[in-house]
Amino acid sequence: MLIRVDPTASQALYEQLAAAVRGSIIRGEVVAGERLPGARDLAESLGVNVHTVLRGYQELRDQGLVELRRGRGAVVTHAAVPEQADLRRAIDAVHAAARRLGLGGDDLALMIREGY
């Protein structure tokens, strides 16, 4: 799994990191039960703060893609299965479009719940 971040991009570094891992999961490069690189090691290799990596991992945890385990690190969950790849890509596209329109996560969630 290759993770790259662009410090000059408008997207936050932790979001870039989460997107790179998410993409690896969708493409099947990382499978359920596999450990992600340690936060300190990844931060060092990317030249970012360890808290940036941890925030990216926390975003993936909040999406149900990884579990954060003390002493074991970030582990890809079984919920991150390839059958969901199309849905995940569609959700990412909708999320990106909403951000371009200035809509926050709450606004987008409300639209979805109301059956937009």
PDB file of N, CA and C in Angstrom:
ATOM      1  N   MET A   1       0.848  -1.167   0.000  1.00  0.00           N
ATOM      2  CA  MET A   1       0.000   0.000   0.000  1.00  0.00           C
ATOM      3  C   MET A   1       0.896   1.232   0.000  1.00  0.00           C
ATOM      4  N   LEU A   2       0.627   2.101  -0.954  1.00  0.00           N
ATOM      5  CA  LEU A   2       1.397   3.329  -1.091  1.00  0.00           C
ATOM      6  C   LEU A   2       0.525   4.504  -0.677  1.00  0.00           C
ATOM      7  N   ILE A   3       1.008   5.275   0.283  1.00  0.00           N
ATOM      8  CA  ILE A   3       0.271   6.434   0.763  1.00  0.00           C
ATOM      9  C   ILE A   3       1.091   7.673   0.451  1.00  0.00           C
ATOM     10  N   ARG A   4       0.414   8.629  -0.186  1.00  0.00           N
ATOM     11  CA  ARG A   4       1.053   9.903  -0.489  1.00  0.00           C
ATOM     12  C   ARG A   4       0.139  11.026  -0.039  1.00  0.00           C
ATOM     13  N   VAL A   5       0.741  12.121   0.395  1.00  0.00           N
ATOM     14  CA  VAL A   5      -0.012  13.324   0.731  1.00  0.00           C
ATOM     15  C   VAL A   5       0.663  14.507   0.058  1.00  0.00           C
ATOM     16  N   ASP A   6      -0.130  15.509  -0.253  1.00  0.00           N
ATOM     17  CA  ASP A   6       0.358  16.718  -0.902  1.00  0.00           C
ATOM     18  C   ASP A   6       0.109  17.906   0.011  1.00  0.00           C
ATOM     19  N   PRO A   7       1.164  18.427   0.648  1.00  0.00           N
ATOM     20  CA  PRO A   7       0.985  19.538   1.581  1.00  0.00           C
ATOM     21  C   PRO A   7       0.441  20.804   0.920  1.00  0.00           C
ATOM     22  N   THR A   8       0.524  20.916  -0.400  1.00  0.00           N
ATOM     23  CA  THR A   8       0.046  22.110  -1.094  1.00  0.00           C
ATOM     24  C   THR A   8      -1.416  21.991  -1.518  1.00  0.00           C
ATOM     25  N   ALA A   9      -2.010  20.811  -1.356  1.00  0.00           N
ATOM     26  CA  ALA A   9      -3.402  20.598  -1.747  1.00  0.00           C
ATOM     27  C   ALA A   9      -4.345  21.290  -0.762  1.00  0.00           C
ATOM     28  N   SER A  10      -5.544  21.612  -1.233  1.00  0.00           N
ATOM     29  CA  SER A  10      -6.516  22.264  -0.357  1.00  0.00           C
ATOM     30  C   SER A  10      -7.119  21.285   0.648  1.00  0.00           C
ATOM     31  N   GLN A  11      -7.096  20.008   0.337  1.00  0.00           N
ATOM     32  CA  GLN A  11      -7.637  18.988   1.236  1.00  0.00           C
ATOM     33  C   GLN A  11      -6.663  18.778   2.404  1.00  0.00           C
ATOM     34  N   ALA A  12      -7.203  18.664   3.601  1.00  0.00           N
ATOM     35  CA  ALA A  12      -6.370  18.470   4.796  1.00  0.00           C
ATOM     36  C   ALA A  12      -5.539  17.201   4.665  1.00  0.00           C
ATOM     37  N   LEU A  13      -4.361  17.202   5.263  1.00  0.00           N
ATOM     38  CA  LEU A  13      -3.461  16.054   5.170  1.00  0.00           C
ATOM     39  C   LEU A  13      -4.097  14.778   5.720  1.00  0.00           C
ATOM     40  N   TYR A  14      -4.795  14.892   6.854  1.00  0.00           N
ATOM     41  CA  TYR A  14      -5.406  13.696   7.426  1.00  0.00           C
ATOM     42  C   TYR A  14      -6.489  13.134   6.502  1.00  0.00           C
ATOM     43  N   GLU A  15      -7.200  14.026   5.776  1.00  0.00           N
ATOM     44  CA  GLU A  15      -8.211  13.565   4.823  1.00  0.00           C
ATOM     45  C   GLU A  15      -7.553  12.875   3.632  1.00  0.00           C
ATOM     46  N   GLN A  16      -6.415  13.402   3.180  1.00  0.00           N
ATOM     47  CA  GLN A  16      -5.681  12.766   2.088  1.00  0.00           C
ATOM     48  C   GLN A  16      -5.219  11.377   2.499  1.00  0.00           C
ATOM     49  N   LEU A  17      -4.718  11.273   3.715  1.00  0.00           N
ATOM     50  CA  LEU A  17      -4.254   9.990   4.230  1.00  0.00           C
ATOM     51  C   LEU A  17      -5.409   8.992   4.299  1.00  0.00           C
ATOM     52  N   ALA A  18      -6.536   9.420   4.868  1.00  0.00           N
ATOM     53  CA  ALA A  18      -7.704   8.546   4.972  1.00  0.00           C
ATOM     54  C   ALA A  18      -8.183   8.127   3.594  1.00  0.00           C
ATOM     55  N   ALA A  19      -8.185   9.051   2.640  1.00  0.00           N
ATOM     56  CA  ALA A  19      -8.624   8.732   1.277  1.00  0.00           C
ATOM     57  C   ALA A  19      -7.689   7.710   0.619  1.00  0.00           C
ATOM     58  N   ALA A  20      -6.386   7.839   0.876  1.00  0.00           N
ATOM     59  CA  ALA A  20      -5.432   6.894   0.303  1.00  0.00           C
ATOM     60  C   ALA A  20      -5.648   5.486   0.860  1.00  0.00           C
ATOM     61  N   VAL A  21      -5.865   5.395   2.166  1.00  0.00           N
ATOM     62  CA  VAL A  21      -6.115   4.080   2.779  1.00  0.00           C
ATOM     63  C   VAL A  21      -7.447   3.535   2.290  1.00  0.00           C
ATOM     64  N   ARG A  22      -8.471   4.384   2.250  1.00  0.00           N
ATOM     65  CA  ARG A  22      -9.791   3.971   1.772  1.00  0.00           C
ATOM     66  C   ARG A  22      -9.692   3.420   0.348  1.00  0.00           C
ATOM     67  N   GLY A  23      -8.934   4.101  -0.489  1.00  0.00           N
ATOM     68  CA  GLY A  23      -8.733   3.639  -1.866  1.00  0.00           C
ATOM     69  C   GLY A  23      -8.050   2.289  -1.918  1.00  0.00           C
ATOM     70  N   SER A  24      -7.071   2.082  -1.056  1.00  0.00           N
ATOM     71  CA  SER A  24      -6.381   0.792  -1.004  1.00  0.00           C
ATOM     72  C   SER A  24      -7.323  -0.329  -0.582  1.00  0.00           C
ATOM     73  N   ILE A  25      -8.227  -0.015   0.329  1.00  0.00           N
ATOM     74  CA  ILE A  25      -9.211  -1.006   0.770  1.00  0.00           C
ATOM     75  C   ILE A  25     -10.163  -1.333  -0.372  1.00  0.00           C
ATOM     76  N   ILE A  26     -10.655  -0.302  -1.042  1.00  0.00           N
ATOM     77  CA  ILE A  26     -11.598  -0.488  -2.146  1.00  0.00           C
ATOM     78  C   ILE A  26     -10.965  -1.301  -3.270  1.00  0.00           C
ATOM     79  N   ARG A  27      -9.707  -1.031  -3.577  1.00  0.00           N
ATOM     80  CA  ARG A  27      -9.015  -1.759  -4.649  1.00  0.00           C
ATOM     81  C   ARG A  27      -8.581  -3.161  -4.233  1.00  0.00           C
ATOM     82  N   GLY A  28      -8.771  -3.501  -2.959  1.00  0.00           N
ATOM     83  CA  GLY A  28      -8.399  -4.824  -2.489  1.00  0.00           C
ATOM     84  C   GLY A  28      -6.925  -4.984  -2.179  1.00  0.00           C
ATOM     85  N   GLU A  29      -6.198  -3.889  -2.129  1.00  0.00           N
ATOM     86  CA  GLU A  29      -4.773  -3.949  -1.807  1.00  0.00           C
ATOM     87  C   GLU A  29      -4.553  -4.227  -0.322  1.00  0.00           C
ATOM     88  N   VAL A  30      -5.549  -3.885   0.479  1.00  0.00           N
ATOM     89  CA  VAL A  30      -5.514  -4.127   1.918  1.00  0.00           C
ATOM     90  C   VAL A  30      -6.772  -4.927   2.237  1.00  0.00           C
ATOM     91  N   VAL A  31      -6.635  -5.984   3.005  1.00  0.00           N
ATOM     92  CA  VAL A  31      -7.771  -6.856   3.279  1.00  0.00           C
ATOM     93  C   VAL A  31      -8.125  -6.839   4.762  1.00  0.00           C
ATOM     94  N   ALA A  32      -9.312  -7.344   5.055  1.00  0.00           N
ATOM     95  CA  ALA A  32      -9.792  -7.408   6.436  1.00  0.00           C
ATOM     96  C   ALA A  32      -8.788  -8.155   7.307  1.00  0.00           C
ATOM     97  N   GLY A  33      -8.535  -7.610   8.487  1.00  0.00           N
ATOM     98  CA  GLY A  33      -7.599  -8.209   9.426  1.00  0.00           C
ATOM     99  C   GLY A  33      -6.169  -7.730   9.266  1.00  0.00           C
ATOM    100  N   GLU A  34      -5.889  -7.022   8.191  1.00  0.00           N
ATOM    101  CA  GLU A  34      -4.531  -6.536   7.950  1.00  0.00           C
ATOM    102  C   GLU A  34      -4.257  -5.278   8.766  1.00  0.00           C
ATOM    103  N   ARG A  35      -3.048  -5.213   9.312  1.00  0.00           N
ATOM    104  CA  ARG A  35      -2.637  -4.034  10.084  1.00  0.00           C
ATOM    105  C   ARG A  35      -2.139  -2.951   9.151  1.00  0.00           C
ATOM    106  N   LEU A  36      -2.516  -1.721   9.459  1.00  0.00           N
ATOM    107  CA  LEU A  36      -1.996  -0.571   8.730  1.00  0.00           C
ATOM    108  C   LEU A  36      -0.658  -0.184   9.357  1.00  0.00           C
ATOM    109  N   PRO A  37       0.150   0.592   8.635  1.00  0.00           N
ATOM    110  CA  PRO A  37       1.437   1.011   9.209  1.00  0.00           C
ATOM    111  C   PRO A  37       1.235   1.738  10.535  1.00  0.00           C
ATOM    112  N   GLY A  38       2.175   1.578  11.430  1.00  0.00           N
ATOM    113  CA  GLY A  38       2.122   2.281  12.712  1.00  0.00           C
ATOM    114  C   GLY A  38       2.113   3.784  12.495  1.00  0.00           C
ATOM    115  N   ALA A  39       1.408   4.497  13.359  1.00  0.00           N
ATOM    116  CA  ALA A  39       1.246   5.938  13.202  1.00  0.00           C
ATOM    117  C   ALA A  39       2.592   6.668  13.204  1.00  0.00           C
ATOM    118  N   ARG A  40       3.470   6.296  14.101  1.00  0.00           N
ATOM    119  CA  ARG A  40       4.777   6.983  14.172  1.00  0.00           C
ATOM    120  C   ARG A  40       5.598   6.726  12.917  1.00  0.00           C
ATOM    121  N   ASP A  41       5.623   5.472  12.483  1.00  0.00           N
ATOM    122  CA  ASP A  41       6.398   5.131  11.283  1.00  0.00           C
ATOM    123  C   ASP A  41       5.838   5.830  10.044  1.00  0.00           C
ATOM    124  N   LEU A  42       4.514   5.820   9.914  1.00  0.00           N
ATOM    125  CA  LEU A  42       3.892   6.449   8.752  1.00  0.00           C
ATOM    126  C   LEU A  42       4.102   7.960   8.783  1.00  0.00           C
ATOM    127  N   ALA A  43       3.955   8.565   9.948  1.00  0.00           N
ATOM    128  CA  ALA A  43       4.174  10.010  10.070  1.00  0.00           C
ATOM    129  C   ALA A  43       5.596  10.373   9.654  1.00  0.00           C
ATOM    130  N   GLU A  44       6.543   9.586  10.101  1.00  0.00           N
ATOM    131  CA  GLU A  44       7.941   9.846   9.757  1.00  0.00           C
ATOM    132  C   GLU A  44       8.174   9.709   8.256  1.00  0.00           C
ATOM    133  N   SER A  45       7.617   8.652   7.648  1.00  0.00           N
ATOM    134  CA  SER A  45       7.846   8.435   6.220  1.00  0.00           C
ATOM    135  C   SER A  45       7.155   9.492   5.354  1.00  0.00           C
ATOM    136  N   LEU A  46       6.031  10.046   5.842  1.00  0.00           N
ATOM    137  CA  LEU A  46       5.317  11.080   5.088  1.00  0.00           C
ATOM    138  C   LEU A  46       5.794  12.486   5.420  1.00  0.00           C
ATOM    139  N   GLY A  47       6.555  12.622   6.503  1.00  0.00           N
ATOM    140  CA  GLY A  47       7.014  13.942   6.925  1.00  0.00           C
ATOM    141  C   GLY A  47       5.903  14.786   7.522  1.00  0.00           C
ATOM    142  N   VAL A  48       4.986  14.107   8.244  1.00  0.00           N
ATOM    143  CA  VAL A  48       3.874  14.816   8.892  1.00  0.00           C
ATOM    144  C   VAL A  48       3.895  14.510  10.380  1.00  0.00           C
ATOM    145  N   ASN A  49       3.084  15.231  11.123  1.00  0.00           N
ATOM    146  CA  ASN A  49       2.955  15.029  12.553  1.00  0.00           C
ATOM    147  C   ASN A  49       2.208  13.724  12.824  1.00  0.00           C
ATOM    148  N   VAL A  50       2.570  13.030  13.873  1.00  0.00           N
ATOM    149  CA  VAL A  50       1.920  11.768  14.222  1.00  0.00           C
ATOM    150  C   VAL A  50       0.426  11.976  14.491  1.00  0.00           C
ATOM    151  N   HIS A  51       0.035  13.147  14.975  1.00  0.00           N
ATOM    152  CA  HIS A  51      -1.373  13.426  15.236  1.00  0.00           C
ATOM    153  C   HIS A  51      -2.177  13.516  13.933  1.00  0.00           C
ATOM    154  N   THR A  52      -1.508  13.911  12.849  1.00  0.00           N
ATOM    155  CA  THR A  52      -2.159  13.937  11.539  1.00  0.00           C
ATOM    156  C   THR A  52      -2.531  12.520  11.121  1.00  0.00           C
ATOM    157  N   VAL A  53      -1.608  11.592  11.297  1.00  0.00           N
ATOM    158  CA  VAL A  53      -1.868  10.191  10.960  1.00  0.00           C
ATOM    159  C   VAL A  53      -2.973   9.638  11.853  1.00  0.00           C
ATOM    160  N   LEU A  54      -2.883   9.917  13.139  1.00  0.00           N
ATOM    161  CA  LEU A  54      -3.906   9.418  14.064  1.00  0.00           C
ATOM    162  C   LEU A  54      -5.288   9.968  13.720  1.00  0.00           C
ATOM    163  N   ARG A  55      -5.355  11.213  13.314  1.00  0.00           N
ATOM    164  CA  ARG A  55      -6.657  11.790  12.939  1.00  0.00           C
ATOM    165  C   ARG A  55      -7.194  11.111  11.678  1.00  0.00           C
ATOM    166  N   GLY A  56      -6.320  10.822  10.720  1.00  0.00           N
ATOM    167  CA  GLY A  56      -6.741  10.092   9.525  1.00  0.00           C
ATOM    168  C   GLY A  56      -7.243   8.707   9.878  1.00  0.00           C
ATOM    169  N   TYR A  57      -6.541   8.021  10.775  1.00  0.00           N
ATOM    170  CA  TYR A  57      -6.967   6.696  11.224  1.00  0.00           C
ATOM    171  C   TYR A  57      -8.286   6.779  11.978  1.00  0.00           C
ATOM    172  N   GLN A  58      -8.474   7.841  12.764  1.00  0.00           N
ATOM    173  CA  GLN A  58      -9.732   8.007  13.494  1.00  0.00           C
ATOM    174  C   GLN A  58     -10.898   8.225  12.534  1.00  0.00           C
ATOM    175  N   GLU A  59     -10.657   8.945  11.445  1.00  0.00           N
ATOM    176  CA  GLU A  59     -11.706   9.133  10.440  1.00  0.00           C
ATOM    177  C   GLU A  59     -12.101   7.781   9.837  1.00  0.00           C
ATOM    178  N   LEU A  60     -11.108   6.958   9.551  1.00  0.00           N
ATOM    179  CA  LEU A  60     -11.389   5.619   9.006  1.00  0.00           C
ATOM    180  C   LEU A  60     -12.129   4.768  10.035  1.00  0.00           C
ATOM    181  N   ARG A  61     -11.776   4.931  11.294  1.00  0.00           N
ATOM    182  CA  ARG A  61     -12.486   4.217  12.362  1.00  0.00           C
ATOM    183  C   ARG A  61     -13.944   4.664  12.421  1.00  0.00           C
ATOM    184  N   ASP A  62     -14.162   5.961  12.333  1.00  0.00           N
ATOM    185  CA  ASP A  62     -15.518   6.499  12.385  1.00  0.00           C
ATOM    186  C   ASP A  62     -16.361   6.016  11.205  1.00  0.00           C
ATOM    187  N   GLN A  63     -15.714   5.699  10.105  1.00  0.00           N
ATOM    188  CA  GLN A  63     -16.411   5.178   8.920  1.00  0.00           C
ATOM    189  C   GLN A  63     -16.574   3.659   8.985  1.00  0.00           C
ATOM    190  N   GLY A  64     -16.032   3.054  10.039  1.00  0.00           N
ATOM    191  CA  GLY A  64     -16.160   1.611  10.207  1.00  0.00           C
ATOM    192  C   GLY A  64     -15.187   0.786   9.388  1.00  0.00           C
ATOM    193  N   LEU A  65     -14.160   1.434   8.850  1.00  0.00           N
ATOM    194  CA  LEU A  65     -13.207   0.727   7.993  1.00  0.00           C
ATOM    195  C   LEU A  65     -12.044   0.121   8.760  1.00  0.00           C
ATOM    196  N   VAL A  66     -11.689   0.715   9.890  1.00  0.00           N
ATOM    197  CA  VAL A  66     -10.602   0.172  10.699  1.00  0.00           C
ATOM    198  C   VAL A  66     -11.000   0.173  12.169  1.00  0.00           C
ATOM    199  N   GLU A  67     -10.358  -0.698  12.912  1.00  0.00           N
ATOM    200  CA  GLU A  67     -10.451  -0.702  14.368  1.00  0.00           C
ATOM    201  C   GLU A  67      -9.125  -0.212  14.893  1.00  0.00           C
ATOM    202  N   LEU A  68      -9.179   0.630  15.902  1.00  0.00           N
ATOM    203  CA  LEU A  68      -7.953   1.085  16.550  1.00  0.00           C
ATOM    204  C   LEU A  68      -7.814   0.300  17.837  1.00  0.00           C
ATOM    205  N   ARG A  69      -6.759  -0.495  17.906  1.00  0.00           N
ATOM    206  CA  ARG A  69      -6.547  -1.356  19.065  1.00  0.00           C
ATOM    207  C   ARG A  69      -5.254  -0.971  19.763  1.00  0.00           C
ATOM    208  N   ARG A  70      -5.349  -0.760  21.058  1.00  0.00           N
ATOM    209  CA  ARG A  70      -4.167  -0.417  21.845  1.00  0.00           C
ATOM    210  C   ARG A  70      -3.149  -1.550  21.741  1.00  0.00           C
ATOM    211  N   GLY A  71      -1.942  -1.192  21.403  1.00  0.00           N
ATOM    212  CA  GLY A  71      -0.865  -2.169  21.303  1.00  0.00           C
ATOM    213  C   GLY A  71      -0.846  -2.930  19.992  1.00  0.00           C
ATOM    214  N   ARG A  72      -1.911  -2.821  19.205  1.00  0.00           N
ATOM    215  CA  ARG A  72      -1.957  -3.543  17.930  1.00  0.00           C
ATOM    216  C   ARG A  72      -2.084  -2.587  16.756  1.00  0.00           C
ATOM    217  N   GLY A  73      -2.478  -1.358  17.028  1.00  0.00           N
ATOM    218  CA  GLY A  73      -2.573  -0.349  15.973  1.00  0.00           C
ATOM    219  C   GLY A  73      -3.893  -0.381  15.237  1.00  0.00           C
ATOM    220  N   ALA A  74      -3.858   0.086  14.003  1.00  0.00           N
ATOM    221  CA  ALA A  74      -5.055   0.159  13.165  1.00  0.00           C
ATOM    222  C   ALA A  74      -5.169  -1.114  12.333  1.00  0.00           C
ATOM    223  N   VAL A  75      -6.332  -1.754  12.424  1.00  0.00           N
ATOM    224  CA  VAL A  75      -6.571  -3.014  11.725  1.00  0.00           C
ATOM    225  C   VAL A  75      -7.816  -2.855  10.861  1.00  0.00           C
ATOM    226  N   VAL A  76      -7.732  -3.271   9.605  1.00  0.00           N
ATOM    227  CA  VAL A  76      -8.859  -3.187   8.680  1.00  0.00           C
ATOM    228  C   VAL A  76      -9.962  -4.126   9.153  1.00  0.00           C
ATOM    229  N   THR A  77     -11.192  -3.608   9.191  1.00  0.00           N
ATOM    230  CA  THR A  77     -12.328  -4.399   9.673  1.00  0.00           C
ATOM    231  C   THR A  77     -12.907  -5.261   8.554  1.00  0.00           C
ATOM    232  N   HIS A  78     -13.753  -6.185   8.963  1.00  0.00           N
ATOM    233  CA  HIS A  78     -14.431  -7.037   7.988  1.00  0.00           C
ATOM    234  C   HIS A  78     -15.535  -6.274   7.263  1.00  0.00           C
ATOM    235  N   ALA A  79     -15.932  -5.126   7.794  1.00  0.00           N
ATOM    236  CA  ALA A  79     -16.949  -4.304   7.137  1.00  0.00           C
ATOM    237  C   ALA A  79     -16.407  -3.671   5.858  1.00  0.00           C
ATOM    238  N   ALA A  80     -15.100  -3.620   5.741  1.00  0.00           N
ATOM    239  CA  ALA A  80     -14.460  -2.996   4.582  1.00  0.00           C
ATOM    240  C   ALA A  80     -14.265  -4.041   3.489  1.00  0.00           C
ATOM    241  N   VAL A  81     -15.358  -4.532   2.936  1.00  0.00           N
ATOM    242  CA  VAL A  81     -15.294  -5.605   1.940  1.00  0.00           C
ATOM    243  C   VAL A  81     -15.427  -5.051   0.532  1.00  0.00           C
ATOM    244  N   PRO A  82     -14.843  -5.710  -0.454  1.00  0.00           N
ATOM    245  CA  PRO A  82     -14.863  -5.222  -1.831  1.00  0.00           C
ATOM    246  C   PRO A  82     -16.266  -5.067  -2.421  1.00  0.00           C
ATOM    247  N   GLU A  83     -17.256  -5.841  -1.959  1.00  0.00           N
ATOM    248  CA  GLU A  83     -18.610  -5.730  -2.510  1.00  0.00           C
ATOM    249  C   GLU A  83     -19.188  -4.332  -2.290  1.00  0.00           C
ATOM    250  N   GLN A  84     -18.673  -3.625  -1.309  1.00  0.00           N
ATOM    251  CA  GLN A  84     -19.164  -2.289  -1.008  1.00  0.00           C
ATOM    252  C   GLN A  84     -18.405  -1.207  -1.765  1.00  0.00           C
ATOM    253  N   ALA A  85     -17.474  -1.604  -2.618  1.00  0.00           N
ATOM    254  CA  ALA A  85     -16.606  -0.651  -3.299  1.00  0.00           C
ATOM    255  C   ALA A  85     -17.392   0.356  -4.138  1.00  0.00           C
ATOM    256  N   ASP A  86     -18.375  -0.102  -4.906  1.00  0.00           N
ATOM    257  CA  ASP A  86     -19.154   0.817  -5.746  1.00  0.00           C
ATOM    258  C   ASP A  86     -19.902   1.827  -4.893  1.00  0.00           C
ATOM    259  N   LEU A  87     -20.500   1.351  -3.815  1.00  0.00           N
ATOM    260  CA  LEU A  87     -21.228   2.247  -2.930  1.00  0.00           C
ATOM    261  C   LEU A  87     -20.285   3.255  -2.284  1.00  0.00           C
ATOM    262  N   ARG A  88     -19.142   2.791  -1.845  1.00  0.00           N
ATOM    263  CA  ARG A  88     -18.174   3.700  -1.220  1.00  0.00           C
ATOM    264  C   ARG A  88     -17.716   4.777  -2.211  1.00  0.00           C
ATOM    265  N   ARG A  89     -17.465   4.395  -3.456  1.00  0.00           N
ATOM    266  CA  ARG A  89     -17.049   5.376  -4.459  1.00  0.00           C
ATOM    267  C   ARG A  89     -18.155   6.407  -4.695  1.00  0.00           C
ATOM    268  N   ALA A  90     -19.403   5.938  -4.761  1.00  0.00           N
ATOM    269  CA  ALA A  90     -20.526   6.852  -4.958  1.00  0.00           C
ATOM    270  C   ALA A  90     -20.654   7.814  -3.782  1.00  0.00           C
ATOM    271  N   ILE A  91     -20.509   7.291  -2.585  1.00  0.00           N
ATOM    272  CA  ILE A  91     -20.597   8.140  -1.394  1.00  0.00           C
ATOM    273  C   ILE A  91     -19.472   9.164  -1.390  1.00  0.00           C
ATOM    274  N   ASP A  92     -18.272   8.745  -1.749  1.00  0.00           N
ATOM    275  CA  ASP A  92     -17.144   9.685  -1.810  1.00  0.00           C
ATOM    276  C   ASP A  92     -17.422  10.795  -2.812  1.00  0.00           C
ATOM    277  N   ALA A  93     -18.008  10.441  -3.961  1.00  0.00           N
ATOM    278  CA  ALA A  93     -18.315  11.440  -4.989  1.00  0.00           C
ATOM    279  C   ALA A  93     -19.373  12.421  -4.486  1.00  0.00           C
ATOM    280  N   VAL A  94     -20.401  11.907  -3.821  1.00  0.00           N
ATOM    281  CA  VAL A  94     -21.451  12.768  -3.282  1.00  0.00           C
ATOM    282  C   VAL A  94     -20.869  13.681  -2.195  1.00  0.00           C
ATOM    283  N   HIS A  95     -20.029  13.132  -1.358  1.00  0.00           N
ATOM    284  CA  HIS A  95     -19.399  13.924  -0.295  1.00  0.00           C
ATOM    285  C   HIS A  95     -18.554  15.048  -0.896  1.00  0.00           C
ATOM    286  N   ALA A  96     -17.783  14.729  -1.926  1.00  0.00           N
ATOM    287  CA  ALA A  96     -16.943  15.738  -2.572  1.00  0.00           C
ATOM    288  C   ALA A  96     -17.806  16.829  -3.208  1.00  0.00           C
ATOM    289  N   ALA A  97     -18.896  16.429  -3.863  1.00  0.00           N
ATOM    290  CA  ALA A  97     -19.793  17.406  -4.488  1.00  0.00           C
ATOM    291  C   ALA A  97     -20.428  18.298  -3.421  1.00  0.00           C
ATOM    292  N   ALA A  98     -20.830  17.712  -2.308  1.00  0.00           N
ATOM    293  CA  ALA A  98     -21.432  18.487  -1.229  1.00  0.00           C
ATOM    294  C   ALA A  98     -20.439  19.502  -0.674  1.00  0.00           C
ATOM    295  N   ARG A  99     -19.200  19.086  -0.521  1.00  0.00           N
ATOM    296  CA  ARG A  99     -18.169  20.008  -0.004  1.00  0.00           C
ATOM    297  C   ARG A  99     -17.958  21.172  -0.972  1.00  0.00           C
ATOM    298  N   ARG A 100     -17.967  20.875  -2.272  1.00  0.00           N
ATOM    299  CA  ARG A 100     -17.794  21.944  -3.261  1.00  0.00           C
ATOM    300  C   ARG A 100     -18.936  22.952  -3.178  1.00  0.00           C
ATOM    301  N   LEU A 101     -20.124  22.476  -2.801  1.00  0.00           N
ATOM    302  CA  LEU A 101     -21.294  23.343  -2.677  1.00  0.00           C
ATOM    303  C   LEU A 101     -21.379  24.008  -1.305  1.00  0.00           C
ATOM    304  N   GLY A 102     -20.427  23.698  -0.450  1.00  0.00           N
ATOM    305  CA  GLY A 102     -20.405  24.298   0.878  1.00  0.00           C
ATOM    306  C   GLY A 102     -21.326  23.627   1.876  1.00  0.00           C
ATOM    307  N   LEU A 103     -21.774  22.420   1.559  1.00  0.00           N
ATOM    308  CA  LEU A 103     -22.650  21.682   2.470  1.00  0.00           C
ATOM    309  C   LEU A 103     -21.813  20.872   3.446  1.00  0.00           C
ATOM    310  N   GLY A 104     -22.182  20.912   4.694  1.00  0.00           N
ATOM    311  CA  GLY A 104     -21.495  20.132   5.708  1.00  0.00           C
ATOM    312  C   GLY A 104     -22.066  18.726   5.800  1.00  0.00           C
ATOM    313  N   GLY A 105     -21.452  17.914   6.617  1.00  0.00           N
ATOM    314  CA  GLY A 105     -21.897  16.540   6.797  1.00  0.00           C
ATOM    315  C   GLY A 105     -23.314  16.441   7.316  1.00  0.00           C
ATOM    316  N   ASP A 106     -23.697  17.339   8.224  1.00  0.00           N
ATOM    317  CA  ASP A 106     -25.054  17.325   8.765  1.00  0.00           C
ATOM    318  C   ASP A 106     -26.079  17.646   7.676  1.00  0.00           C
ATOM    319  N   ASP A 107     -25.754  18.636   6.821  1.00  0.00           N
ATOM    320  CA  ASP A 107     -26.662  18.995   5.727  1.00  0.00           C
ATOM    321  C   ASP A 107     -26.847  17.820   4.770  1.00  0.00           C
ATOM    322  N   LEU A 108     -25.741  17.181   4.432  1.00  0.00           N
ATOM    323  CA  LEU A 108     -25.788  16.039   3.521  1.00  0.00           C
ATOM    324  C   LEU A 108     -26.573  14.877   4.132  1.00  0.00           C
ATOM    325  N   ALA A 109     -26.329  14.598   5.394  1.00  0.00           N
ATOM    326  CA  ALA A 109     -27.049  13.528   6.067  1.00  0.00           C
ATOM    327  C   ALA A 109     -28.541  13.815   6.090  1.00  0.00           C
ATOM    328  N   LEU A 110     -28.911  15.064   6.341  1.00  0.00           N
ATOM    329  CA  LEU A 110     -30.322  15.438   6.348  1.00  0.00           C
ATOM    330  C   LEU A 110     -30.953  15.221   4.980  1.00  0.00           C
ATOM    331  N   MET A 111     -30.247  15.605   3.934  1.00  0.00           N
ATOM    332  CA  MET A 111     -30.756  15.406   2.579  1.00  0.00           C
ATOM    333  C   MET A 111     -30.977  13.924   2.297  1.00  0.00           C
ATOM    334  N   ILE A 112     -30.059  13.091   2.736  1.00  0.00           N
ATOM    335  CA  ILE A 112     -30.174  11.655   2.497  1.00  0.00           C
ATOM    336  C   ILE A 112     -31.342  11.086   3.288  1.00  0.00           C
ATOM    337  N   ARG A 113     -31.460  11.471   4.556  1.00  0.00           N
ATOM    338  CA  ARG A 113     -32.568  10.976   5.383  1.00  0.00           C
ATOM    339  C   ARG A 113     -33.926  11.394   4.828  1.00  0.00           C
ATOM    340  N   GLU A 114     -33.987  12.582   4.255  1.00  0.00           N
ATOM    341  CA  GLU A 114     -35.255  13.066   3.716  1.00  0.00           C
ATOM    342  C   GLU A 114     -35.560  12.480   2.333  1.00  0.00           C
ATOM    343  N   GLY A 115     -34.672  11.658   1.834  1.00  0.00           N
ATOM    344  CA  GLY A 115     -34.909  11.017   0.542  1.00  0.00           C
ATOM    345  C   GLY A 115     -34.760  11.950  -0.632  1.00  0.00           C
ATOM    346  N   TYR A 116     -33.790  12.836  -0.539  1.00  0.00           N
ATOM    347  CA  TYR A 116     -33.562  13.824  -1.579  1.00  0.00           C
ATOM    348  C   TYR A 116     -33.703  13.181  -2.919  1.00  0.00           C
TER     349      TYR A 116
END
